[in-house]
Amino acid sequence: MAKKVLIIEDDAMISGMYKTRLEQEGYAVVTADNGGQGLEVAVIEKPDLILLDVMMPMMDGFALLQELRLKSTFKETPIIMLTNLGTTEDKEKGEKFGATDYLVKANLTPSKVSEHVAKYLK
């Protein structure tokens, strides 16, 4: 059975680009376009990995990351922050809240992001 990836990203074009790439790699992909919806979808779908944007409506990625890590279901789930916030301060905040990895979108192609996903879903 295919590993399930949840992409929580408010930009439909970016979300679609990653979804297409990951589906080509054989993953089952579900998406959410804001933090609140992302939390609901995560609880229902129980993904094997979550790609999480930071700047989103309703609930930002840092708040959602904290919320997910409080739930026993997501204690061990790889959660990769995928954002354009690339400061050291942002990365440290992501680590402090329990991000498995912190990737800056501007520095990576969908193929590179897919490589990171594969690394955590072995």
C-alpha atoms as a PDB file:
ATOM      1  CA  MET A   1       0.000   0.000   0.000  1.00  0.00           C
ATOM      2  CA  ALA A   2       1.254   3.476  -0.885  1.00  0.00           C
ATOM      3  CA  LYS A   3       2.583   5.707   1.870  1.00  0.00           C
ATOM      4  CA  LYS A   4       0.301   8.676   2.487  1.00  0.00           C
ATOM      5  CA  VAL A   5       1.619  12.244   2.429  1.00  0.00           C
ATOM      6  CA  LEU A   6      -0.397  15.255   3.603  1.00  0.00           C
ATOM      7  CA  ILE A   7       0.540  18.602   2.052  1.00  0.00           C
ATOM      8  CA  ILE A   8      -0.701  21.592   4.057  1.00  0.00           C
ATOM      9  CA  GLU A   9      -0.114  24.615   1.824  1.00  0.00           C
ATOM     10  CA  ASP A  10      -2.314  27.648   1.080  1.00  0.00           C
ATOM     11  CA  ASP A  11      -0.900  28.277  -2.413  1.00  0.00           C
ATOM     12  CA  ALA A  12      -2.829  25.944  -4.749  1.00  0.00           C
ATOM     13  CA  MET A  13      -0.188  26.121  -7.483  1.00  0.00           C
ATOM     14  CA  ILE A  14       2.631  25.095  -5.109  1.00  0.00           C
ATOM     15  CA  SER A  15       0.488  22.427  -3.471  1.00  0.00           C
ATOM     16  CA  GLY A  16      -0.466  21.021  -6.888  1.00  0.00           C
ATOM     17  CA  MET A  17       3.154  20.978  -8.035  1.00  0.00           C
ATOM     18  CA  TYR A  18       4.291  18.926  -5.013  1.00  0.00           C
ATOM     19  CA  LYS A  19       1.195  16.706  -5.171  1.00  0.00           C
ATOM     20  CA  THR A  20       1.877  15.843  -8.833  1.00  0.00           C
ATOM     21  CA  ARG A  21       5.540  15.080  -8.162  1.00  0.00           C
ATOM     22  CA  LEU A  22       4.843  12.890  -5.123  1.00  0.00           C
ATOM     23  CA  GLU A  23       2.072  10.990  -6.913  1.00  0.00           C
ATOM     24  CA  GLN A  24       4.529  10.302  -9.755  1.00  0.00           C
ATOM     25  CA  GLU A  25       6.795   8.771  -7.092  1.00  0.00           C
ATOM     26  CA  GLY A  26       3.963   6.453  -6.014  1.00  0.00           C
ATOM     27  CA  TYR A  27       2.714   8.213  -2.887  1.00  0.00           C
ATOM     28  CA  ALA A  28      -0.946   8.713  -2.007  1.00  0.00           C
ATOM     29  CA  VAL A  29      -1.306  12.473  -1.497  1.00  0.00           C
ATOM     30  CA  VAL A  30      -3.973  14.453   0.349  1.00  0.00           C
ATOM     31  CA  THR A  31      -3.969  18.226   0.674  1.00  0.00           C
ATOM     32  CA  ALA A  32      -5.297  20.988   2.885  1.00  0.00           C
ATOM     33  CA  ASP A  33      -5.137  24.700   2.128  1.00  0.00           C
ATOM     34  CA  ASN A  34      -5.000  26.186   5.633  1.00  0.00           C
ATOM     35  CA  GLY A  35      -3.918  25.249   9.127  1.00  0.00           C
ATOM     36  CA  GLY A  36      -7.388  24.533  10.493  1.00  0.00           C
ATOM     37  CA  GLN A  37      -8.284  22.252   7.604  1.00  0.00           C
ATOM     38  CA  GLY A  38      -4.819  20.696   7.835  1.00  0.00           C
ATOM     39  CA  LEU A  39      -5.451  19.634  11.417  1.00  0.00           C
ATOM     40  CA  GLU A  40      -8.812  18.078  10.483  1.00  0.00           C
ATOM     41  CA  VAL A  41      -7.392  16.229   7.477  1.00  0.00           C
ATOM     42  CA  ALA A  42      -4.389  14.980   9.489  1.00  0.00           C
ATOM     43  CA  VAL A  43      -6.653  13.524  12.199  1.00  0.00           C
ATOM     44  CA  ILE A  44      -8.945  11.837   9.656  1.00  0.00           C
ATOM     45  CA  GLU A  45      -6.310  10.618   7.166  1.00  0.00           C
ATOM     46  CA  LYS A  46      -3.454   9.763   9.576  1.00  0.00           C
ATOM     47  CA  PRO A  47      -0.715  10.405   6.983  1.00  0.00           C
ATOM     48  CA  ASP A  48       2.711   8.753   7.104  1.00  0.00           C
ATOM     49  CA  LEU A  49       4.370  12.164   6.572  1.00  0.00           C
ATOM     50  CA  ILE A  50       3.261  15.807   6.580  1.00  0.00           C
ATOM     51  CA  LEU A  51       4.676  18.647   4.473  1.00  0.00           C
ATOM     52  CA  LEU A  52       3.746  21.842   6.307  1.00  0.00           C
ATOM     53  CA  ASP A  53       3.892  25.457   5.145  1.00  0.00           C
ATOM     54  CA  VAL A  54       4.338  28.145   7.804  1.00  0.00           C
ATOM     55  CA  MET A  55       2.476  31.210   6.560  1.00  0.00           C
ATOM     56  CA  MET A  56      -1.177  30.212   6.162  1.00  0.00           C
ATOM     57  CA  PRO A  57      -4.626  31.504   7.083  1.00  0.00           C
ATOM     58  CA  MET A  58      -6.551  30.306  10.173  1.00  0.00           C
ATOM     59  CA  MET A  59      -3.555  28.690  11.889  1.00  0.00           C
ATOM     60  CA  ASP A  60       0.083  29.132  10.928  1.00  0.00           C
ATOM     61  CA  GLY A  61       2.392  26.173  10.470  1.00  0.00           C
ATOM     62  CA  PHE A  62       4.187  26.644  13.784  1.00  0.00           C
ATOM     63  CA  ALA A  63       0.903  26.588  15.741  1.00  0.00           C
ATOM     64  CA  LEU A  64      -0.279  23.559  13.766  1.00  0.00           C
ATOM     65  CA  LEU A  65       3.027  21.767  14.333  1.00  0.00           C
ATOM     66  CA  GLN A  66       2.670  22.295  18.093  1.00  0.00           C
ATOM     67  CA  GLU A  67      -0.937  21.094  17.992  1.00  0.00           C
ATOM     68  CA  LEU A  68      -0.033  17.952  16.047  1.00  0.00           C
ATOM     69  CA  ARG A  69       2.873  17.067  18.340  1.00  0.00           C
ATOM     70  CA  LEU A  70       0.508  17.182  21.344  1.00  0.00           C
ATOM     71  CA  LYS A  71      -1.492  14.311  19.818  1.00  0.00           C
ATOM     72  CA  SER A  72      -0.112  10.809  20.450  1.00  0.00           C
ATOM     73  CA  THR A  73      -0.974   9.856  16.847  1.00  0.00           C
ATOM     74  CA  PHE A  74       1.590  12.356  15.526  1.00  0.00           C
ATOM     75  CA  LYS A  75       4.404  12.056  18.088  1.00  0.00           C
ATOM     76  CA  GLU A  76       6.529   9.995  15.661  1.00  0.00           C
ATOM     77  CA  THR A  77       5.099  11.175  12.308  1.00  0.00           C
ATOM     78  CA  PRO A  78       7.726  12.958  10.198  1.00  0.00           C
ATOM     79  CA  ILE A  79       6.612  16.582   9.809  1.00  0.00           C
ATOM     80  CA  ILE A  80       8.685  18.581   7.344  1.00  0.00           C
ATOM     81  CA  MET A  81       8.326  22.352   7.399  1.00  0.00           C
ATOM     82  CA  LEU A  82       8.303  23.534   3.774  1.00  0.00           C
ATOM     83  CA  THR A  83       8.361  27.305   3.734  1.00  0.00           C
ATOM     84  CA  ASN A  84       9.975  30.446   2.367  1.00  0.00           C
ATOM     85  CA  LEU A  85      10.867  31.593   5.885  1.00  0.00           C
ATOM     86  CA  GLY A  86      14.550  30.752   5.883  1.00  0.00           C
ATOM     87  CA  THR A  87      16.012  32.666   8.814  1.00  0.00           C
ATOM     88  CA  THR A  88      17.989  30.858  11.490  1.00  0.00           C
ATOM     89  CA  GLU A  89      15.369  32.037  13.988  1.00  0.00           C
ATOM     90  CA  ASP A  90      12.557  30.394  11.981  1.00  0.00           C
ATOM     91  CA  LYS A  91      14.489  27.147  11.616  1.00  0.00           C
ATOM     92  CA  GLU A  92      15.227  27.063  15.345  1.00  0.00           C
ATOM     93  CA  LYS A  93      11.549  27.692  16.093  1.00  0.00           C
ATOM     94  CA  GLY A  94      10.606  24.773  13.826  1.00  0.00           C
ATOM     95  CA  GLU A  95      13.096  22.490  15.580  1.00  0.00           C
ATOM     96  CA  LYS A  96      11.922  23.617  19.011  1.00  0.00           C
ATOM     97  CA  PHE A  97       8.314  22.781  18.118  1.00  0.00           C
ATOM     98  CA  GLY A  98       9.259  19.335  16.833  1.00  0.00           C
ATOM     99  CA  ALA A  99       9.770  19.635  13.071  1.00  0.00           C
ATOM    100  CA  THR A 100      11.549  16.600  11.632  1.00  0.00           C
ATOM    101  CA  ASP A 101      13.173  18.763   8.961  1.00  0.00           C
ATOM    102  CA  TYR A 102      13.000  22.376   7.784  1.00  0.00           C
ATOM    103  CA  LEU A 103      13.188  23.053   4.041  1.00  0.00           C
ATOM    104  CA  VAL A 104      13.177  26.418   2.274  1.00  0.00           C
ATOM    105  CA  LYS A 105      11.024  26.210  -0.885  1.00  0.00           C
ATOM    106  CA  ALA A 106      13.060  28.756  -2.822  1.00  0.00           C
ATOM    107  CA  ASN A 107      16.143  26.529  -2.520  1.00  0.00           C
ATOM    108  CA  LEU A 108      14.529  23.279  -3.683  1.00  0.00           C
ATOM    109  CA  THR A 109      12.845  21.767  -6.722  1.00  0.00           C
ATOM    110  CA  PRO A 110       9.894  19.372  -6.272  1.00  0.00           C
ATOM    111  CA  SER A 111      12.345  16.541  -7.083  1.00  0.00           C
ATOM    112  CA  LYS A 112      14.585  17.529  -4.166  1.00  0.00           C
ATOM    113  CA  VAL A 113      11.578  17.758  -1.838  1.00  0.00           C
ATOM    114  CA  SER A 114      10.569  14.281  -3.017  1.00  0.00           C
ATOM    115  CA  GLU A 115      14.051  13.014  -2.079  1.00  0.00           C
ATOM    116  CA  HIS A 116      13.574  14.354   1.453  1.00  0.00           C
ATOM    117  CA  VAL A 117      10.160  12.679   1.686  1.00  0.00           C
ATOM    118  CA  ALA A 118      11.658   9.358   0.532  1.00  0.00           C
ATOM    119  CA  LYS A 119      14.397   9.644   3.149  1.00  0.00           C
ATOM    120  CA  TYR A 120      11.829   9.810   5.982  1.00  0.00           C
ATOM    121  CA  LEU A 121       9.477   7.166   4.575  1.00  0.00           C
ATOM    122  CA  LYS A 122      11.993   4.355   4.132  1.00  0.00           C
END
